Amino acid sequence: MLEARNLSKSYNGTAALQGLNLLVKPGDIFCLLGANGAGKTTTINLFLNFIEPSGGEAVIGEYRVTDAPLETKKLLAYIPENLMLYPNLTGIENLDYFSSLAGKKYNQQELGKFLAEAGLQEDAHAKRINTYSKGMRQKVGIAISLAKQAKVLLLDEPTSGLDPKASNEFAALLKKLSQQGVATLMATHDLFRAKETGTHIGIMKEGKLVETLTTEQINHADLEKLYLQHMN
């Protein structure tokens, strides 16, 4: 569903991403680990077509992102560290607006089902977003991906700042989407969550993918040891 083919990005001659090759299949949760500046967010932004590659290509479904930006955006949902929702609209109004942008139209009952499936308690559906916690806003993001019927989920530090309970709930939602065949690429600093939630882990350093493994191949302690070895 999602593939980087020798993908590169440079800014004024400085490489932010160098020859990235990765494949995320339906049902995979691929977690990108690395320090700030390692190339994680650059990778996400290239798949979103927020920036143009200096070389190689980003592919979503059967489309090259740079050739078919509208088609690829229909296939994906994006949840950044701080999800931008309209603060004066309710959760259900935000969901209605963003799903309609994707060409989907639902009645109030259907919208409520998406929010409930994303784990948002019913009494919050009609409350304004400016009263929501970060965890509640992230659940609206998941509901938007459900309403869009997204095949690809791009996440950039989505659990940063969440308390352990909210982070655990978010991870459970990702696993649920994985079981439905959604391909997820997540940039994160959270080694524990990557091991617990992901199916695959990639460690990035200075714009290069220096290690790729499945989460079944490694335990928590060895993952931390491997990560720190690459960071030295």
Protein backbone atom coordinates (compact mmCIF):
# COMPACT_ATOMS: atom_id res chain seq x y z
CA MET A 1 0.00 0.00 0.00
CA LEU A 2 2.88 2.34 0.71
CA GLU A 3 6.40 2.25 -0.72
CA ALA A 4 9.51 4.41 -0.81
CA ARG A 5 11.79 3.73 -3.76
CA ASN A 6 15.26 5.23 -3.32
CA LEU A 7 13.54 8.29 -1.86
CA SER A 8 15.77 11.29 -1.12
CA LYS A 9 15.38 14.90 -0.03
CA SER A 10 18.00 17.64 0.24
CA TYR A 11 17.79 21.24 1.40
CA ASN A 12 20.44 23.60 0.02
CA GLY A 13 22.79 20.69 -0.56
CA THR A 14 22.22 19.13 2.86
CA ALA A 15 20.65 15.65 2.78
CA ALA A 16 17.59 15.22 5.00
CA LEU A 17 16.77 11.82 3.54
CA GLN A 18 19.10 9.52 1.63
CA GLY A 19 18.00 6.66 -0.62
CA LEU A 20 15.14 5.41 1.53
CA ASN A 21 13.61 2.09 0.54
CA LEU A 22 10.71 0.73 2.57
CA LEU A 23 7.49 -1.18 2.01
CA VAL A 24 4.38 -1.07 4.18
CA LYS A 25 1.80 -3.72 3.30
CA PRO A 26 -1.91 -3.81 4.24
CA GLY A 27 -2.17 -4.55 7.97
CA ASP A 28 1.42 -3.52 8.72
CA ILE A 29 2.21 -0.96 11.42
CA PHE A 30 5.69 0.27 10.48
CA CYS A 31 7.28 2.39 13.21
CA LEU A 32 10.13 4.75 12.33
CA LEU A 33 12.46 5.43 15.26
CA GLY A 34 15.25 7.98 15.38
CA ALA A 35 16.52 11.19 16.95
CA ASN A 36 15.26 14.61 15.90
CA GLY A 37 16.56 15.35 12.42
CA ALA A 38 16.90 11.66 11.50
CA GLY A 39 14.48 11.99 8.57
CA LYS A 40 11.27 10.60 10.07
CA THR A 41 9.06 13.65 9.53
CA THR A 42 10.64 14.29 6.13
CA THR A 43 9.57 10.78 5.12
CA ILE A 44 5.98 11.40 6.27
CA ASN A 45 5.88 14.78 4.50
CA LEU A 46 7.08 13.23 1.23
CA PHE A 47 4.26 10.69 1.32
CA LEU A 48 1.82 13.53 2.03
CA ASN A 49 3.24 15.50 -0.93
CA PHE A 50 3.88 18.43 1.41
CA ILE A 51 7.40 18.56 -0.07
CA GLU A 52 8.86 17.29 -3.34
CA PRO A 53 11.56 14.61 -3.40
CA SER A 54 15.04 15.39 -4.66
CA GLY A 55 15.25 11.83 -5.97
CA GLY A 56 13.34 8.57 -6.04
CA GLU A 57 9.61 8.26 -5.51
CA ALA A 58 6.92 7.82 -2.88
CA VAL A 59 4.09 5.48 -3.90
CA ILE A 60 0.68 5.00 -2.27
CA GLY A 61 -1.49 2.24 -3.69
CA GLU A 62 -0.75 2.22 -7.40
CA TYR A 63 0.00 5.95 -7.59
CA ARG A 64 3.20 7.95 -7.42
CA VAL A 65 2.47 10.73 -4.94
CA THR A 66 3.93 13.50 -7.13
CA ASP A 67 1.93 12.36 -10.18
CA ALA A 68 -1.42 11.82 -8.48
CA PRO A 69 -1.66 13.95 -5.32
CA LEU A 70 -5.46 14.00 -5.20
CA GLU A 71 -5.82 10.25 -5.74
CA THR A 72 -3.26 9.44 -3.05
CA LYS A 73 -4.83 11.83 -0.53
CA LYS A 74 -8.15 10.01 -0.96
CA LEU A 75 -6.44 6.81 0.18
CA LEU A 76 -4.83 8.19 3.33
CA ALA A 77 -5.49 9.83 6.66
CA TYR A 78 -2.89 11.87 8.55
CA ILE A 79 -2.61 12.40 12.30
CA PRO A 80 0.25 14.70 13.36
CA GLU A 81 1.50 15.38 16.87
CA ASN A 82 -1.02 18.21 17.21
CA LEU A 83 -4.09 17.45 15.14
CA MET A 84 -5.60 20.61 13.62
CA LEU A 85 -9.36 20.60 14.23
CA TYR A 86 -11.78 23.51 14.40
CA PRO A 87 -11.89 24.40 18.13
CA ASN A 88 -15.34 26.04 18.06
CA LEU A 89 -16.98 23.08 16.32
CA THR A 90 -18.04 19.93 18.13
CA GLY A 91 -16.43 16.54 17.61
CA ILE A 92 -19.29 15.40 15.40
CA GLU A 93 -19.25 18.67 13.40
CA ASN A 94 -15.50 18.32 12.76
CA LEU A 95 -16.00 14.73 11.64
CA ASP A 96 -18.86 15.76 9.34
CA TYR A 97 -16.75 18.54 7.79
CA PHE A 98 -13.58 16.53 7.21
CA SER A 99 -15.39 13.46 5.90
CA SER A 100 -17.37 15.66 3.48
CA LEU A 101 -14.05 17.07 2.18
CA ALA A 102 -13.18 13.48 1.29
CA GLY A 103 -16.45 13.15 -0.65
CA LYS A 104 -18.22 11.15 2.06
CA LYS A 105 -21.63 12.10 3.44
CA TYR A 106 -23.09 10.56 6.58
CA ASN A 107 -26.08 11.22 8.80
CA GLN A 108 -25.69 12.09 12.49
CA GLN A 109 -26.17 8.52 13.63
CA GLU A 110 -23.49 7.22 11.28
CA LEU A 111 -21.07 9.96 12.37
CA GLY A 112 -21.72 9.06 16.01
CA LYS A 113 -20.90 5.42 15.25
CA PHE A 114 -17.51 6.39 13.81
CA LEU A 115 -16.70 8.46 16.91
CA ALA A 116 -17.81 5.61 19.18
CA GLU A 117 -15.73 3.11 17.19
CA ALA A 118 -12.74 5.41 17.68
CA GLY A 119 -13.32 5.24 21.43
CA LEU A 120 -14.77 8.71 22.03
CA GLN A 121 -17.38 8.63 24.77
CA GLU A 122 -20.87 9.55 23.60
CA ASP A 123 -21.30 12.54 25.92
CA ALA A 124 -18.33 14.23 24.21
CA HIS A 125 -19.67 14.00 20.64
CA ALA A 126 -21.62 17.27 20.90
CA LYS A 127 -18.99 19.17 22.92
CA ARG A 128 -16.64 21.68 21.33
CA ILE A 129 -13.14 20.57 20.45
CA ASN A 130 -11.66 23.31 22.63
CA THR A 131 -12.89 21.32 25.65
CA TYR A 132 -11.17 18.10 24.48
CA SER A 133 -7.98 16.59 25.82
CA LYS A 134 -5.27 15.70 23.32
CA GLY A 135 -6.23 12.02 23.53
CA MET A 136 -9.84 12.89 22.66
CA ARG A 137 -8.70 14.94 19.66
CA GLN A 138 -6.58 12.03 18.42
CA LYS A 139 -9.68 9.82 18.61
CA VAL A 140 -11.49 12.27 16.35
CA GLY A 141 -8.54 11.85 13.96
CA ILE A 142 -9.06 8.08 14.00
CA ALA A 143 -12.80 8.59 13.42
CA ILE A 144 -11.96 10.75 10.38
CA SER A 145 -9.79 7.96 8.98
CA LEU A 146 -12.65 5.50 9.53
CA ALA A 147 -15.15 7.81 7.84
CA LYS A 148 -12.78 8.37 4.91
CA GLN A 149 -12.33 4.58 4.66
CA ALA A 150 -8.60 5.30 4.50
CA LYS A 151 -6.32 2.50 3.36
CA VAL A 152 -3.16 4.23 4.64
CA LEU A 153 -2.56 5.98 7.95
CA LEU A 154 0.38 8.39 8.34
CA LEU A 155 1.24 9.32 11.92
CA ASP A 156 3.85 11.78 13.16
CA GLU A 157 4.46 11.45 16.92
CA PRO A 158 0.74 10.84 17.59
CA THR A 159 1.23 9.67 21.20
CA SER A 160 3.57 12.49 22.25
CA GLY A 161 2.13 14.18 25.33
CA LEU A 162 -0.52 11.52 25.92
CA ASP A 163 -0.80 9.96 29.36
CA PRO A 164 -0.21 6.17 29.53
CA LYS A 165 -3.93 5.33 29.48
CA ALA A 166 -4.63 7.50 26.42
CA SER A 167 -1.50 6.20 24.70
CA ASN A 168 -2.60 2.62 25.33
CA GLU A 169 -6.08 3.34 23.98
CA PHE A 170 -4.59 4.90 20.85
CA ALA A 171 -2.37 1.84 20.33
CA ALA A 172 -5.41 -0.44 20.63
CA LEU A 173 -7.15 1.57 17.90
CA LEU A 174 -4.14 1.21 15.61
CA LYS A 175 -4.18 -2.57 16.10
CA LYS A 176 -7.90 -2.59 15.28
CA LEU A 177 -7.25 -0.69 12.04
CA SER A 178 -4.40 -3.08 11.26
CA GLN A 179 -6.81 -6.00 11.51
CA GLN A 180 -9.01 -4.19 8.96
CA GLY A 181 -6.08 -4.08 6.53
CA VAL A 182 -5.00 -0.46 7.02
CA ALA A 183 -1.29 0.15 6.32
CA THR A 184 0.23 2.44 8.97
CA LEU A 185 3.51 4.36 8.91
CA MET A 186 4.27 6.01 12.26
CA ALA A 187 7.17 8.27 13.18
CA THR A 188 7.78 8.04 16.92
CA HIS A 189 10.32 8.45 19.73
CA ASP A 190 8.49 5.90 21.87
CA LEU A 191 10.48 2.64 21.76
CA PHE A 192 8.07 0.88 24.11
CA ARG A 193 5.01 1.79 22.03
CA ALA A 194 6.78 0.86 18.79
CA LYS A 195 7.56 -2.61 20.15
CA GLU A 196 4.09 -3.09 21.67
CA THR A 197 2.07 -1.76 18.73
CA GLY A 198 4.18 -2.12 15.60
CA THR A 199 4.65 -5.07 13.29
CA HIS A 200 7.87 -3.62 11.87
CA ILE A 201 10.48 -1.18 13.14
CA GLY A 202 12.91 0.96 11.18
CA ILE A 203 15.71 2.90 12.88
CA MET A 204 16.76 6.08 11.11
CA LYS A 205 19.95 8.09 11.53
CA GLU A 206 21.10 11.16 9.58
CA GLY A 207 18.57 10.59 6.82
CA LYS A 208 19.28 6.88 6.36
CA LEU A 209 17.34 3.79 7.35
CA VAL A 210 20.08 1.94 9.22
CA GLU A 211 18.07 -0.97 10.61
CA THR A 212 14.82 -2.77 9.70
CA LEU A 213 13.30 -5.62 11.68
CA THR A 214 9.99 -7.13 12.73
CA THR A 215 8.86 -6.65 16.31
CA GLU A 216 8.72 -10.43 16.73
CA GLN A 217 12.50 -10.55 16.21
CA ILE A 218 13.45 -8.52 19.27
CA ASN A 219 12.48 -7.89 22.90
CA HIS A 220 12.21 -4.51 24.62
CA ALA A 221 15.69 -4.55 26.20
CA ASP A 222 17.46 -5.58 23.01
CA LEU A 223 15.53 -2.99 20.97
CA GLU A 224 16.69 -0.26 23.34
CA LYS A 225 20.27 -1.56 23.17
CA LEU A 226 20.18 -1.68 19.36
CA TYR A 227 18.69 1.80 19.15
CA LEU A 228 21.33 3.30 21.45
CA GLN A 229 24.12 1.60 19.49
CA HIS A 230 22.96 3.37 16.34
CA MET A 231 22.59 6.69 18.12
CA ASN A 232 26.22 6.68 19.34
